[in-house]
Amino acid sequence: MTDDLFRPPESSPPSPPQVEMTSWKAITLALLLDIIATIAISVIAGVAYAVVLASQGMSEDQLAHALSNISPTGLFSLTVGGIGLMISVYAGYFCTLKNKTDARKNNVILMALLAIFCLYAGDENQGIGVNIGLTLLSLLAVYIGHILALRKAATSPTQG
């Protein structure tokens, strides 16, 4: 007989069931996550950029001019924009995973609300074409997050 009292049991404990959120809660949290995290990253990066420029000996006028005229194709803008797109991917992923029953509808609503916000809050200095392009890029990022979450749900074992 091989009854070892100190050997752990063979079966693993059952994982707790995933609780789905209501549609409006999943959409609201994903939208707030996307907007607040993107703004926070932009502010932190802007302050860091201002500190770097100020440490190079720029005057206040030069600093204000440099910060108000950041090129949308420069390294700073592309880096912050890339981080913002990753946040948007996660928002779509989050919205899908938190309410799988209405995932497609929820993400369409999330993308519509995000498009309204992006177009409303877009930088007037860049022009409407750039704002529309960046909005479409954000919507694509949310959709990619949605697809990634659907793939994860399809490959993970079902609960219960």
Protein backbone atom coordinates (compact mmCIF):
# COMPACT_ATOMS: atom_id res chain seq x y z
CA MET A 1 0.00 0.00 0.00
CA THR A 2 1.38 3.43 -0.95
CA ASP A 3 -0.67 5.72 1.24
CA ASP A 4 1.68 8.59 1.93
CA LEU A 5 0.07 10.95 4.40
CA PHE A 6 2.40 13.77 3.44
CA ARG A 7 1.72 13.65 -0.29
CA PRO A 8 -0.61 16.39 -1.57
CA PRO A 9 -3.92 15.32 -3.08
CA GLU A 10 -4.06 14.57 -6.80
CA SER A 11 -6.84 16.91 -7.75
CA SER A 12 -6.46 20.66 -7.78
CA PRO A 13 -9.07 22.77 -6.03
CA PRO A 14 -11.79 24.06 -8.33
CA SER A 15 -11.29 27.60 -9.54
CA PRO A 16 -13.96 30.07 -8.49
CA PRO A 17 -16.58 30.75 -11.16
CA GLN A 18 -16.19 33.94 -13.15
CA VAL A 19 -18.96 36.41 -12.43
CA GLU A 20 -20.08 38.42 -15.43
CA MET A 21 -20.81 42.11 -15.14
CA THR A 22 -23.89 43.73 -16.53
CA SER A 23 -23.47 45.23 -19.98
CA TRP A 24 -23.63 48.85 -18.86
CA LYS A 25 -21.09 48.24 -16.10
CA ALA A 26 -18.62 46.52 -18.44
CA ILE A 27 -18.97 49.31 -21.02
CA THR A 28 -18.68 52.10 -18.44
CA LEU A 29 -15.64 50.60 -16.73
CA ALA A 30 -13.90 49.91 -20.05
CA LEU A 31 -14.61 53.45 -21.27
CA LEU A 32 -13.39 55.02 -18.02
CA LEU A 33 -10.35 52.77 -18.02
CA ASP A 34 -9.45 53.83 -21.55
CA ILE A 35 -10.03 57.55 -21.07
CA ILE A 36 -8.57 57.97 -17.58
CA ALA A 37 -5.52 55.77 -18.17
CA THR A 38 -4.74 57.45 -21.49
CA ILE A 39 -5.06 60.93 -19.99
CA ALA A 40 -2.95 59.93 -16.97
CA ILE A 41 -0.18 58.52 -19.19
CA SER A 42 -0.28 61.64 -21.37
CA VAL A 43 -0.02 63.95 -18.36
CA ILE A 44 2.82 61.96 -16.78
CA ALA A 45 4.71 61.82 -20.09
CA GLY A 46 4.08 65.55 -20.68
CA VAL A 47 5.44 66.47 -17.26
CA ALA A 48 8.48 64.24 -17.81
CA TYR A 49 9.07 65.83 -21.22
CA ALA A 50 8.77 69.31 -19.71
CA VAL A 51 11.31 68.41 -17.02
CA VAL A 52 13.72 67.13 -19.67
CA LEU A 53 13.31 70.30 -21.75
CA ALA A 54 13.67 72.53 -18.68
CA SER A 55 16.83 70.70 -17.63
CA GLN A 56 18.33 71.55 -21.02
CA GLY A 57 18.14 75.22 -20.09
CA MET A 58 15.04 76.33 -22.00
CA SER A 59 13.33 79.50 -20.87
CA GLU A 60 9.67 79.44 -19.84
CA ASP A 61 8.59 80.92 -23.18
CA GLN A 62 10.61 78.38 -25.15
CA LEU A 63 9.26 75.59 -22.96
CA ALA A 64 5.65 76.70 -23.45
CA HIS A 65 6.20 76.95 -27.22
CA ALA A 66 7.85 73.51 -27.41
CA LEU A 67 5.09 71.85 -25.39
CA SER A 68 2.28 73.44 -27.37
CA ASN A 69 3.82 72.52 -30.73
CA ILE A 70 4.68 68.84 -30.30
CA SER A 71 4.81 67.09 -33.67
CA PRO A 72 2.24 64.29 -34.03
CA THR A 73 4.86 62.24 -35.89
CA GLY A 74 7.69 62.80 -33.42
CA LEU A 75 9.13 60.14 -31.12
CA PHE A 76 7.33 61.54 -28.07
CA SER A 77 3.91 61.53 -29.74
CA LEU A 78 4.39 58.10 -31.27
CA THR A 79 5.51 56.61 -27.94
CA VAL A 80 2.63 58.10 -25.95
CA GLY A 81 0.22 57.21 -28.77
CA GLY A 82 1.47 53.61 -28.78
CA ILE A 83 0.91 53.34 -25.04
CA GLY A 84 -2.56 54.83 -25.51
CA LEU A 85 -3.33 52.24 -28.18
CA MET A 86 -2.25 49.44 -25.85
CA ILE A 87 -4.63 50.84 -23.24
CA SER A 88 -7.42 50.84 -25.84
CA VAL A 89 -6.64 47.21 -26.71
CA TYR A 90 -6.97 46.34 -23.04
CA ALA A 91 -10.26 48.26 -22.76
CA GLY A 92 -11.77 46.17 -25.58
CA TYR A 93 -10.35 43.01 -24.01
CA PHE A 94 -11.75 43.95 -20.60
CA CYS A 95 -15.20 44.78 -21.96
CA THR A 96 -15.42 41.44 -23.76
CA LEU A 97 -14.18 39.30 -20.88
CA LYS A 98 -16.40 40.94 -18.29
CA ASN A 99 -19.63 40.34 -20.22
CA LYS A 100 -19.34 37.53 -22.76
CA THR A 101 -23.05 37.17 -23.47
CA ASP A 102 -23.36 40.54 -25.22
CA ALA A 103 -19.68 41.01 -26.09
CA ARG A 104 -20.10 42.20 -29.68
CA LYS A 105 -22.91 44.64 -28.86
CA ASN A 106 -20.99 45.95 -25.84
CA ASN A 107 -17.87 46.60 -27.88
CA VAL A 108 -19.83 48.38 -30.60
CA ILE A 109 -21.34 50.65 -27.94
CA LEU A 110 -17.89 51.13 -26.36
CA MET A 111 -16.39 52.06 -29.72
CA ALA A 112 -19.22 54.51 -30.47
CA LEU A 113 -18.79 56.26 -27.12
CA LEU A 114 -15.02 56.29 -27.53
CA ALA A 115 -15.33 57.76 -31.04
CA ILE A 116 -17.56 60.55 -29.73
CA PHE A 117 -15.07 61.30 -26.96
CA CYS A 118 -12.05 61.17 -29.29
CA LEU A 119 -13.59 63.50 -31.85
CA TYR A 120 -14.83 65.89 -29.16
CA ALA A 121 -11.56 65.98 -27.21
CA GLY A 122 -9.23 65.86 -30.22
CA ASP A 123 -6.54 68.47 -30.69
CA GLU A 124 -7.82 71.33 -32.86
CA ASN A 125 -4.29 72.20 -33.96
CA GLN A 126 -3.83 68.87 -35.73
CA GLY A 127 -6.81 69.22 -38.03
CA ILE A 128 -9.89 67.10 -38.53
CA GLY A 129 -8.14 64.57 -40.79
CA VAL A 130 -5.56 63.66 -38.16
CA ASN A 131 -8.26 63.50 -35.47
CA ILE A 132 -10.40 61.16 -37.56
CA GLY A 133 -7.36 59.00 -38.33
CA LEU A 134 -6.39 58.75 -34.65
CA THR A 135 -10.00 57.99 -33.71
CA LEU A 136 -10.15 55.16 -36.25
CA LEU A 137 -6.85 53.84 -34.92
CA SER A 138 -8.26 53.83 -31.38
CA LEU A 139 -11.38 52.01 -32.56
CA LEU A 140 -9.22 49.42 -34.31
CA ALA A 141 -7.29 48.93 -31.06
CA VAL A 142 -10.52 48.32 -29.11
CA TYR A 143 -11.64 45.84 -31.77
CA ILE A 144 -8.30 44.00 -31.57
CA GLY A 145 -8.77 43.73 -27.81
CA HIS A 146 -12.25 42.31 -28.42
CA ILE A 147 -10.87 39.69 -30.84
CA LEU A 148 -8.06 38.74 -28.42
CA ALA A 149 -10.58 38.22 -25.62
CA LEU A 150 -12.80 36.07 -27.85
CA ARG A 151 -9.79 33.93 -28.78
CA LYS A 152 -8.84 33.56 -25.14
CA ALA A 153 -12.39 32.56 -24.24
CA ALA A 154 -12.46 30.02 -27.08
CA THR A 155 -9.21 28.35 -26.00
CA SER A 156 -9.79 28.35 -22.23
CA PRO A 157 -11.67 25.46 -20.66
CA THR A 158 -15.25 26.18 -19.69
CA GLN A 159 -16.14 26.61 -16.04
CA GLY A 160 -18.62 24.39 -14.23
